[in-house]
């Protein structure tokens, strides 16, 4: 099982577009085989910050989810200068 955490902090002028793009990832991700948990959150103390928490059955499921066009749209906005700092990405593997 894999656990993933993705975090971005946006420049205020890009926050609502990032919110839309991240929200667009939710339904298709949850429908994929091997995606056990997929939640997006927005900070209550910094509304320009988003965290995505994901749980996958295995690495194949992780790659299927990350190869979606909706994920590419989030990363394209991030790479176009929408972020105040580098995106944070962490992945953990849990034992059985």
PDB file of N, CA and C in Angstrom:
ATOM      1  N   UNK A   1       0.853  -1.172   0.000  1.00  0.00           N
ATOM      2  CA  UNK A   1       0.000   0.000   0.000  1.00  0.00           C
ATOM      3  C   UNK A   1       0.896   1.231   0.000  1.00  0.00           C
ATOM      4  N   UNK A   2       0.500   2.244  -0.779  1.00  0.00           N
ATOM      5  CA  UNK A   2       1.234   3.501  -0.850  1.00  0.00           C
ATOM      6  C   UNK A   2       0.371   4.636  -0.322  1.00  0.00           C
ATOM      7  N   UNK A   3       0.996   5.513   0.439  1.00  0.00           N
ATOM      8  CA  UNK A   3       0.370   6.734   0.927  1.00  0.00           C
ATOM      9  C   UNK A   3       1.097   7.900   0.284  1.00  0.00           C
ATOM     10  N   UNK A   4       0.353   8.887  -0.200  1.00  0.00           N
ATOM     11  CA  UNK A   4       0.976  10.040  -0.843  1.00  0.00           C
ATOM     12  C   UNK A   4       0.375  11.325  -0.290  1.00  0.00           C
ATOM     13  N   UNK A   5       1.221  12.340  -0.245  1.00  0.00           N
ATOM     14  CA  UNK A   5       0.805  13.678   0.195  1.00  0.00           C
ATOM     15  C   UNK A   5       1.385  14.681  -0.780  1.00  0.00           C
ATOM     16  N   UNK A   6       0.521  15.502  -1.341  1.00  0.00           N
ATOM     17  CA  UNK A   6       0.893  16.512  -2.331  1.00  0.00           C
ATOM     18  C   UNK A   6       0.425  17.854  -1.781  1.00  0.00           C
ATOM     19  N   UNK A   7       1.310  18.847  -1.750  1.00  0.00           N
ATOM     20  CA  UNK A   7       0.949  20.150  -1.186  1.00  0.00           C
ATOM     21  C   UNK A   7       1.441  21.267  -2.093  1.00  0.00           C
ATOM     22  N   UNK A   8       0.586  22.269  -2.286  1.00  0.00           N
ATOM     23  CA  UNK A   8       0.954  23.456  -3.065  1.00  0.00           C
ATOM     24  C   UNK A   8       0.502  24.714  -2.329  1.00  0.00           C
ATOM     25  N   UNK A   9       1.292  25.761  -2.472  1.00  0.00           N
ATOM     26  CA  UNK A   9       0.909  27.077  -1.972  1.00  0.00           C
ATOM     27  C   UNK A   9       0.929  28.008  -3.173  1.00  0.00           C
ATOM     28  N   UNK A  10      -0.206  28.634  -3.443  1.00  0.00           N
ATOM     29  CA  UNK A  10      -0.381  29.442  -4.653  1.00  0.00           C
ATOM     30  C   UNK A  10      -0.214  30.932  -4.402  1.00  0.00           C
ATOM     31  N   UNK A  11       0.170  31.633  -5.452  1.00  0.00           N
ATOM     32  CA  UNK A  11       0.035  33.088  -5.440  1.00  0.00           C
ATOM     33  C   UNK A  11      -1.472  33.359  -5.434  1.00  0.00           C
ATOM     34  N   UNK A  12      -1.925  34.345  -4.693  1.00  0.00           N
ATOM     35  CA  UNK A  12      -3.376  34.570  -4.556  1.00  0.00           C
ATOM     36  C   UNK A  12      -4.136  34.674  -5.884  1.00  0.00           C
ATOM     37  N   UNK A  13      -3.520  35.235  -6.884  1.00  0.00           N
ATOM     38  CA  UNK A  13      -4.216  35.379  -8.168  1.00  0.00           C
ATOM     39  C   UNK A  13      -4.412  34.047  -8.901  1.00  0.00           C
ATOM     40  N   UNK A  14      -3.783  32.984  -8.446  1.00  0.00           N
ATOM     41  CA  UNK A  14      -3.918  31.659  -9.069  1.00  0.00           C
ATOM     42  C   UNK A  14      -4.681  30.661  -8.189  1.00  0.00           C
ATOM     43  N   UNK A  15      -5.059  31.084  -6.993  1.00  0.00           N
ATOM     44  CA  UNK A  15      -5.654  30.161  -6.030  1.00  0.00           C
ATOM     45  C   UNK A  15      -6.955  29.538  -6.517  1.00  0.00           C
ATOM     46  N   UNK A  16      -7.871  30.324  -7.033  1.00  0.00           N
ATOM     47  CA  UNK A  16      -9.176  29.769  -7.431  1.00  0.00           C
ATOM     48  C   UNK A  16      -9.048  28.844  -8.630  1.00  0.00           C
ATOM     49  N   UNK A  17      -8.153  29.160  -9.551  1.00  0.00           N
ATOM     50  CA  UNK A  17      -7.929  28.253 -10.691  1.00  0.00           C
ATOM     51  C   UNK A  17      -7.324  26.942 -10.206  1.00  0.00           C
ATOM     52  N   UNK A  18      -6.392  27.015  -9.265  1.00  0.00           N
ATOM     53  CA  UNK A  18      -5.820  25.790  -8.719  1.00  0.00           C
ATOM     54  C   UNK A  18      -6.894  24.993  -7.995  1.00  0.00           C
ATOM     55  N   UNK A  19      -7.760  25.656  -7.258  1.00  0.00           N
ATOM     56  CA  UNK A  19      -8.850  24.964  -6.560  1.00  0.00           C
ATOM     57  C   UNK A  19      -9.730  24.212  -7.562  1.00  0.00           C
ATOM     58  N   UNK A  20     -10.044  24.836  -8.684  1.00  0.00           N
ATOM     59  CA  UNK A  20     -10.864  24.181  -9.710  1.00  0.00           C
ATOM     60  C   UNK A  20     -10.142  22.969 -10.299  1.00  0.00           C
ATOM     61  N   UNK A  21      -8.860  23.142 -10.587  1.00  0.00           N
ATOM     62  CA  UNK A  21      -8.114  22.038 -11.201  1.00  0.00           C
ATOM     63  C   UNK A  21      -7.930  20.868 -10.241  1.00  0.00           C
ATOM     64  N   UNK A  22      -7.656  21.168  -8.990  1.00  0.00           N
ATOM     65  CA  UNK A  22      -7.522  20.083  -8.014  1.00  0.00           C
ATOM     66  C   UNK A  22      -8.868  19.379  -7.824  1.00  0.00           C
ATOM     67  N   UNK A  23      -9.950  20.131  -7.750  1.00  0.00           N
ATOM     68  CA  UNK A  23     -11.280  19.526  -7.597  1.00  0.00           C
ATOM     69  C   UNK A  23     -11.613  18.620  -8.778  1.00  0.00           C
ATOM     70  N   UNK A  24     -11.141  18.984  -9.971  1.00  0.00           N
ATOM     71  CA  UNK A  24     -11.412  18.181 -11.172  1.00  0.00           C
ATOM     72  C   UNK A  24     -10.702  16.831 -11.144  1.00  0.00           C
ATOM     73  N   UNK A  25      -9.716  16.674 -10.277  1.00  0.00           N
ATOM     74  CA  UNK A  25      -8.982  15.412 -10.169  1.00  0.00           C
ATOM     75  C   UNK A  25      -9.738  14.406  -9.298  1.00  0.00           C
ATOM     76  N   UNK A  26     -10.549  14.885  -8.384  1.00  0.00           N
ATOM     77  CA  UNK A  26     -11.160  14.020  -7.372  1.00  0.00           C
ATOM     78  C   UNK A  26     -11.992  12.864  -7.942  1.00  0.00           C
ATOM     79  N   UNK A  27     -13.032  13.152  -8.678  1.00  0.00           N
ATOM     80  CA  UNK A  27     -13.940  12.092  -9.140  1.00  0.00           C
ATOM     81  C   UNK A  27     -13.240  11.058 -10.021  1.00  0.00           C
ATOM     82  N   UNK A  28     -12.462  11.489 -11.040  1.00  0.00           N
ATOM     83  CA  UNK A  28     -11.803  10.464 -11.856  1.00  0.00           C
ATOM     84  C   UNK A  28     -10.799   9.632 -11.062  1.00  0.00           C
ATOM     85  N   UNK A  29     -10.149  10.239 -10.092  1.00  0.00           N
ATOM     86  CA  UNK A  29      -9.180   9.498  -9.283  1.00  0.00           C
ATOM     87  C   UNK A  29      -9.871   8.461  -8.418  1.00  0.00           C
ATOM     88  N   UNK A  30     -10.952   8.866  -7.782  1.00  0.00           N
ATOM     89  CA  UNK A  30     -11.681   7.943  -6.908  1.00  0.00           C
ATOM     90  C   UNK A  30     -12.269   6.762  -7.679  1.00  0.00           C
ATOM     91  N   UNK A  31     -12.512   6.945  -8.968  1.00  0.00           N
ATOM     92  CA  UNK A  31     -13.105   5.886  -9.788  1.00  0.00           C
ATOM     93  C   UNK A  31     -12.077   4.869 -10.287  1.00  0.00           C
ATOM     94  N   UNK A  32     -10.814   5.175 -10.166  1.00  0.00           N
ATOM     95  CA  UNK A  32      -9.774   4.287 -10.686  1.00  0.00           C
ATOM     96  C   UNK A  32      -9.580   3.058  -9.809  1.00  0.00           C
ATOM     97  N   UNK A  33      -9.328   1.919 -10.435  1.00  0.00           N
ATOM     98  CA  UNK A  33      -8.998   0.726  -9.654  1.00  0.00           C
ATOM     99  C   UNK A  33      -7.714   0.962  -8.864  1.00  0.00           C
ATOM    100  N   UNK A  34      -7.723   0.550  -7.617  1.00  0.00           N
ATOM    101  CA  UNK A  34      -6.527   0.667  -6.794  1.00  0.00           C
ATOM    102  C   UNK A  34      -6.385   1.973  -6.033  1.00  0.00           C
ATOM    103  N   UNK A  35      -7.287   2.922  -6.259  1.00  0.00           N
ATOM    104  CA  UNK A  35      -7.280   4.153  -5.473  1.00  0.00           C
ATOM    105  C   UNK A  35      -8.225   3.924  -4.296  1.00  0.00           C
ATOM    106  N   UNK A  36      -7.645   3.804  -3.114  1.00  0.00           N
ATOM    107  CA  UNK A  36      -8.434   3.499  -1.918  1.00  0.00           C
ATOM    108  C   UNK A  36      -8.960   4.740  -1.232  1.00  0.00           C
ATOM    109  N   UNK A  37      -8.214   5.837  -1.372  1.00  0.00           N
ATOM    110  CA  UNK A  37      -8.565   7.073  -0.653  1.00  0.00           C
ATOM    111  C   UNK A  37      -7.997   8.234  -1.442  1.00  0.00           C
ATOM    112  N   UNK A  38      -8.814   9.259  -1.662  1.00  0.00           N
ATOM    113  CA  UNK A  38      -8.348  10.450  -2.361  1.00  0.00           C
ATOM    114  C   UNK A  38      -9.123  11.637  -1.823  1.00  0.00           C
ATOM    115  N   UNK A  39      -8.454  12.476  -1.049  1.00  0.00           N
ATOM    116  CA  UNK A  39      -9.103  13.658  -0.483  1.00  0.00           C
ATOM    117  C   UNK A  39      -8.265  14.895  -0.733  1.00  0.00           C
ATOM    118  N   UNK A  40      -8.955  15.978  -1.025  1.00  0.00           N
ATOM    119  CA  UNK A  40      -8.285  17.262  -1.183  1.00  0.00           C
ATOM    120  C   UNK A  40      -8.708  18.167  -0.035  1.00  0.00           C
ATOM    121  N   UNK A  41      -7.780  18.963   0.424  1.00  0.00           N
ATOM    122  CA  UNK A  41      -8.066  19.878   1.528  1.00  0.00           C
ATOM    123  C   UNK A  41      -7.524  21.262   1.195  1.00  0.00           C
ATOM    124  N   UNK A  42      -8.126  22.247   1.798  1.00  0.00           N
ATOM    125  CA  UNK A  42      -7.671  23.631   1.674  1.00  0.00           C
ATOM    126  C   UNK A  42      -7.445  24.150   3.084  1.00  0.00           C
ATOM    127  N   UNK A  43      -6.300  24.761   3.289  1.00  0.00           N
ATOM    128  CA  UNK A  43      -5.945  25.233   4.620  1.00  0.00           C
ATOM    129  C   UNK A  43      -6.943  26.269   5.136  1.00  0.00           C
ATOM    130  N   UNK A  44      -7.297  26.137   6.407  1.00  0.00           N
ATOM    131  CA  UNK A  44      -8.156  27.131   7.049  1.00  0.00           C
ATOM    132  C   UNK A  44      -7.364  28.373   7.443  1.00  0.00           C
ATOM    133  N   UNK A  45      -6.072  28.224   7.661  1.00  0.00           N
ATOM    134  CA  UNK A  45      -5.240  29.356   8.087  1.00  0.00           C
ATOM    135  C   UNK A  45      -4.530  30.037   6.924  1.00  0.00           C
ATOM    136  N   UNK A  46      -4.407  29.346   5.780  1.00  0.00           N
ATOM    137  CA  UNK A  46      -3.805  29.921   4.578  1.00  0.00           C
ATOM    138  C   UNK A  46      -4.591  29.416   3.378  1.00  0.00           C
ATOM    139  N   UNK A  47      -5.624  30.139   2.960  1.00  0.00           N
ATOM    140  CA  UNK A  47      -6.508  29.655   1.900  1.00  0.00           C
ATOM    141  C   UNK A  47      -5.833  29.497   0.535  1.00  0.00           C
ATOM    142  N   UNK A  48      -4.578  29.887   0.418  1.00  0.00           N
ATOM    143  CA  UNK A  48      -3.835  29.695  -0.825  1.00  0.00           C
ATOM    144  C   UNK A  48      -3.084  28.366  -0.840  1.00  0.00           C
ATOM    145  N   UNK A  49      -3.248  27.558   0.213  1.00  0.00           N
ATOM    146  CA  UNK A  49      -2.540  26.287   0.333  1.00  0.00           C
ATOM    147  C   UNK A  49      -3.508  25.111   0.265  1.00  0.00           C
ATOM    148  N   UNK A  50      -3.133  24.124  -0.542  1.00  0.00           N
ATOM    149  CA  UNK A  50      -3.917  22.902  -0.729  1.00  0.00           C
ATOM    150  C   UNK A  50      -3.055  21.699  -0.419  1.00  0.00           C
ATOM    151  N   UNK A  51      -3.679  20.669   0.160  1.00  0.00           N
ATOM    152  CA  UNK A  51      -3.008  19.397   0.417  1.00  0.00           C
ATOM    153  C   UNK A  51      -3.922  18.294  -0.111  1.00  0.00           C
ATOM    154  N   UNK A  52      -3.313  17.360  -0.834  1.00  0.00           N
ATOM    155  CA  UNK A  52      -4.033  16.195  -1.340  1.00  0.00           C
ATOM    156  C   UNK A  52      -3.467  14.968  -0.638  1.00  0.00           C
ATOM    157  N   UNK A  53      -4.350  14.161  -0.066  1.00  0.00           N
ATOM    158  CA  UNK A  53      -3.961  12.933   0.627  1.00  0.00           C
ATOM    159  C   UNK A  53      -4.514  11.744  -0.154  1.00  0.00           C
ATOM    160  N   UNK A  54      -3.630  10.781  -0.467  1.00  0.00           N
ATOM    161  CA  UNK A  54      -4.005   9.675  -1.335  1.00  0.00           C
ATOM    162  C   UNK A  54      -3.511   8.350  -0.760  1.00  0.00           C
ATOM    163  N   UNK A  55      -4.289   7.295  -0.991  1.00  0.00           N
ATOM    164  CA  UNK A  55      -3.872   5.944  -0.610  1.00  0.00           C
ATOM    165  C   UNK A  55      -4.143   5.037  -1.811  1.00  0.00           C
ATOM    166  N   UNK A  56      -3.127   4.249  -2.164  1.00  0.00           N
ATOM    167  CA  UNK A  56      -3.199   3.359  -3.319  1.00  0.00           C
ATOM    168  C   UNK A  56      -2.881   1.932  -2.901  1.00  0.00           C
ATOM    169  N   UNK A  57      -3.456   0.969  -3.613  1.00  0.00           N
ATOM    170  CA  UNK A  57      -3.156  -0.426  -3.321  1.00  0.00           C
ATOM    171  C   UNK A  57      -1.717  -0.777  -3.672  1.00  0.00           C
ATOM    172  N   UNK A  58      -1.202  -0.144  -4.734  1.00  0.00           N
ATOM    173  CA  UNK A  58       0.147  -0.470  -5.189  1.00  0.00           C
ATOM    174  C   UNK A  58       0.682   0.632  -6.099  1.00  0.00           C
ATOM    175  N   UNK A  59       1.897   0.438  -6.564  1.00  0.00           N
ATOM    176  CA  UNK A  59       2.551   1.431  -7.405  1.00  0.00           C
ATOM    177  C   UNK A  59       1.850   1.602  -8.754  1.00  0.00           C
ATOM    178  N   UNK A  60       1.291   0.522  -9.300  1.00  0.00           N
ATOM    179  CA  UNK A  60       0.561   0.632 -10.566  1.00  0.00           C
ATOM    180  C   UNK A  60      -0.623   1.582 -10.437  1.00  0.00           C
ATOM    181  N   UNK A  61      -1.364   1.480  -9.348  1.00  0.00           N
ATOM    182  CA  UNK A  61      -2.504   2.374  -9.115  1.00  0.00           C
ATOM    183  C   UNK A  61      -2.038   3.820  -8.978  1.00  0.00           C
ATOM    184  N   UNK A  62      -0.924   4.007  -8.282  1.00  0.00           N
ATOM    185  CA  UNK A  62      -0.344   5.336  -8.130  1.00  0.00           C
ATOM    186  C   UNK A  62      -0.028   5.938  -9.501  1.00  0.00           C
ATOM    187  N   UNK A  63       0.601   5.161 -10.371  1.00  0.00           N
ATOM    188  CA  UNK A  63       0.956   5.663 -11.700  1.00  0.00           C
ATOM    189  C   UNK A  63      -0.278   5.907 -12.574  1.00  0.00           C
ATOM    190  N   UNK A  64      -1.273   5.033 -12.478  1.00  0.00           N
ATOM    191  CA  UNK A  64      -2.517   5.249 -13.230  1.00  0.00           C
ATOM    192  C   UNK A  64      -3.138   6.591 -12.860  1.00  0.00           C
ATOM    193  N   UNK A  65      -3.193   6.855 -11.561  1.00  0.00           N
ATOM    194  CA  UNK A  65      -3.801   8.101 -11.101  1.00  0.00           C
ATOM    195  C   UNK A  65      -2.990   9.309 -11.566  1.00  0.00           C
ATOM    196  N   UNK A  66      -1.692   9.223 -11.470  1.00  0.00           N
ATOM    197  CA  UNK A  66      -0.852  10.366 -11.829  1.00  0.00           C
ATOM    198  C   UNK A  66      -0.704  10.583 -13.328  1.00  0.00           C
ATOM    199  N   UNK A  67      -1.120   9.620 -14.127  1.00  0.00           N
ATOM    200  CA  UNK A  67      -1.066   9.767 -15.584  1.00  0.00           C
ATOM    201  C   UNK A  67      -2.345  10.356 -16.172  1.00  0.00           C
ATOM    202  N   UNK A  68      -3.278  10.743 -15.345  1.00  0.00           N
ATOM    203  CA  UNK A  68      -4.524  11.341 -15.828  1.00  0.00           C
ATOM    204  C   UNK A  68      -4.292  12.761 -16.361  1.00  0.00           C
ATOM    205  N   UNK A  69      -5.102  13.140 -17.332  1.00  0.00           N
ATOM    206  CA  UNK A  69      -4.999  14.497 -17.890  1.00  0.00           C
ATOM    207  C   UNK A  69      -5.326  15.559 -16.845  1.00  0.00           C
ATOM    208  N   UNK A  70      -6.204  15.239 -15.885  1.00  0.00           N
ATOM    209  CA  UNK A  70      -6.559  16.196 -14.836  1.00  0.00           C
ATOM    210  C   UNK A  70      -5.369  16.497 -13.931  1.00  0.00           C
ATOM    211  N   UNK A  71      -4.557  15.491 -13.658  1.00  0.00           N
ATOM    212  CA  UNK A  71      -3.343  15.698 -12.863  1.00  0.00           C
ATOM    213  C   UNK A  71      -2.362  16.544 -13.666  1.00  0.00           C
ATOM    214  N   UNK A  72      -2.247  16.263 -14.959  1.00  0.00           N
ATOM    215  CA  UNK A  72      -1.361  17.054 -15.821  1.00  0.00           C
ATOM    216  C   UNK A  72      -1.766  18.527 -15.820  1.00  0.00           C
ATOM    217  N   UNK A  73      -3.058  18.803 -15.765  1.00  0.00           N
ATOM    218  CA  UNK A  73      -3.537  20.195 -15.739  1.00  0.00           C
ATOM    219  C   UNK A  73      -3.124  20.899 -14.450  1.00  0.00           C
ATOM    220  N   UNK A  74      -3.164  20.197 -13.320  1.00  0.00           N
ATOM    221  CA  UNK A  74      -2.711  20.771 -12.047  1.00  0.00           C
ATOM    222  C   UNK A  74      -1.217  21.075 -12.127  1.00  0.00           C
ATOM    223  N   UNK A  75      -0.452  20.112 -12.614  1.00  0.00           N
ATOM    224  CA  UNK A  75       1.001  20.300 -12.696  1.00  0.00           C
ATOM    225  C   UNK A  75       1.378  21.386 -13.699  1.00  0.00           C
ATOM    226  N   UNK A  76       0.615  21.513 -14.774  1.00  0.00           N
ATOM    227  CA  UNK A  76       0.888  22.570 -15.756  1.00  0.00           C
ATOM    228  C   UNK A  76       0.719  23.947 -15.127  1.00  0.00           C
ATOM    229  N   UNK A  77      -0.334  24.121 -14.342  1.00  0.00           N
ATOM    230  CA  UNK A  77      -0.538  25.403 -13.661  1.00  0.00           C
ATOM    231  C   UNK A  77       0.582  25.655 -12.657  1.00  0.00           C
ATOM    232  N   UNK A  78       0.957  24.622 -11.928  1.00  0.00           N
ATOM    233  CA  UNK A  78       2.050  24.750 -10.959  1.00  0.00           C
ATOM    234  C   UNK A  78       3.343  25.156 -11.665  1.00  0.00           C
ATOM    235  N   UNK A  79       3.622  24.518 -12.790  1.00  0.00           N
ATOM    236  CA  UNK A  79       4.854  24.799 -13.528  1.00  0.00           C
ATOM    237  C   UNK A  79       4.821  26.119 -14.286  1.00  0.00           C
ATOM    238  N   UNK A  80       3.636  26.711 -14.405  1.00  0.00           N
ATOM    239  CA  UNK A  80       3.488  27.990 -15.114  1.00  0.00           C
ATOM    240  C   UNK A  80       3.677  29.191 -14.196  1.00  0.00           C
ATOM    241  N   UNK A  81       4.094  28.946 -12.953  1.00  0.00           N
ATOM    242  CA  UNK A  81       4.367  30.050 -12.046  1.00  0.00           C
ATOM    243  C   UNK A  81       3.278  30.357 -11.047  1.00  0.00           C
ATOM    244  N   UNK A  82       2.322  29.447 -10.871  1.00  0.00           N
ATOM    245  CA  UNK A  82       1.220  29.698  -9.942  1.00  0.00           C
ATOM    246  C   UNK A  82       1.610  29.548  -8.479  1.00  0.00           C
ATOM    247  N   UNK A  83       2.751  28.919  -8.221  1.00  0.00           N
ATOM    248  CA  UNK A  83       3.122  28.590  -6.840  1.00  0.00           C
ATOM    249  C   UNK A  83       4.110  29.580  -6.243  1.00  0.00           C
ATOM    250  N   UNK A  84       4.012  29.747  -4.925  1.00  0.00           N
ATOM    251  CA  UNK A  84       4.946  30.628  -4.218  1.00  0.00           C
ATOM    252  C   UNK A  84       6.235  29.909  -3.854  1.00  0.00           C
ATOM    253  N   UNK A  85       6.202  28.578  -3.908  1.00  0.00           N
ATOM    254  CA  UNK A  85       7.381  27.748  -3.608  1.00  0.00           C
ATOM    255  C   UNK A  85       7.216  26.432  -4.356  1.00  0.00           C
ATOM    256  N   UNK A  86       8.255  25.623  -4.358  1.00  0.00           N
ATOM    257  CA  UNK A  86       8.164  24.324  -5.013  1.00  0.00           C
ATOM    258  C   UNK A  86       7.046  23.505  -4.402  1.00  0.00           C
ATOM    259  N   UNK A  87       6.381  22.710  -5.236  1.00  0.00           N
ATOM    260  CA  UNK A  87       5.360  21.823  -4.697  1.00  0.00           C
ATOM    261  C   UNK A  87       6.035  20.781  -3.816  1.00  0.00           C
ATOM    262  N   UNK A  88       5.303  20.309  -2.843  1.00  0.00           N
ATOM    263  CA  UNK A  88       5.805  19.286  -1.929  1.00  0.00           C
ATOM    264  C   UNK A  88       5.123  17.969  -2.275  1.00  0.00           C
ATOM    265  N   UNK A  89       5.936  16.932  -2.370  1.00  0.00           N
ATOM    266  CA  UNK A  89       5.426  15.630  -2.761  1.00  0.00           C
ATOM    267  C   UNK A  89       6.116  14.592  -1.915  1.00  0.00           C
ATOM    268  N   UNK A  90       5.380  13.758  -1.228  1.00  0.00           N
ATOM    269  CA  UNK A  90       5.965  12.700  -0.418  1.00  0.00           C
ATOM    270  C   UNK A  90       5.165  11.432  -0.605  1.00  0.00           C
ATOM    271  N   UNK A  91       5.867  10.306  -0.664  1.00  0.00           N
ATOM    272  CA  UNK A  91       5.215   9.003  -0.846  1.00  0.00           C
ATOM    273  C   UNK A  91       5.809   8.041   0.177  1.00  0.00           C
ATOM    274  N   UNK A  92       4.936   7.299   0.840  1.00  0.00           N
ATOM    275  CA  UNK A  92       5.353   6.296   1.808  1.00  0.00           C
ATOM    276  C   UNK A  92       4.791   4.948   1.398  1.00  0.00           C
ATOM    277  N   UNK A  93       5.525   3.901   1.670  1.00  0.00           N
ATOM    278  CA  UNK A  93       5.040   2.548   1.457  1.00  0.00           C
ATOM    279  C   UNK A  93       4.770   1.907   2.811  1.00  0.00           C
ATOM    280  N   UNK A  94       3.583   1.352   2.941  1.00  0.00           N
ATOM    281  CA  UNK A  94       3.207   0.703   4.198  1.00  0.00           C
ATOM    282  C   UNK A  94       3.381  -0.801   4.053  1.00  0.00           C
ATOM    283  N   UNK A  95       3.842  -1.431   5.117  1.00  0.00           N
ATOM    284  CA  UNK A  95       3.964  -2.879   5.122  1.00  0.00           C
ATOM    285  C   UNK A  95       2.605  -3.538   5.169  1.00  0.00           C
ATOM    286  N   UNK A  96       2.576  -4.793   4.847  1.00  0.00           N
ATOM    287  CA  UNK A  96       1.292  -5.505   4.828  1.00  0.00           C
ATOM    288  C   UNK A  96       0.871  -5.946   6.209  1.00  0.00           C
TER     289      UNK A  96
END
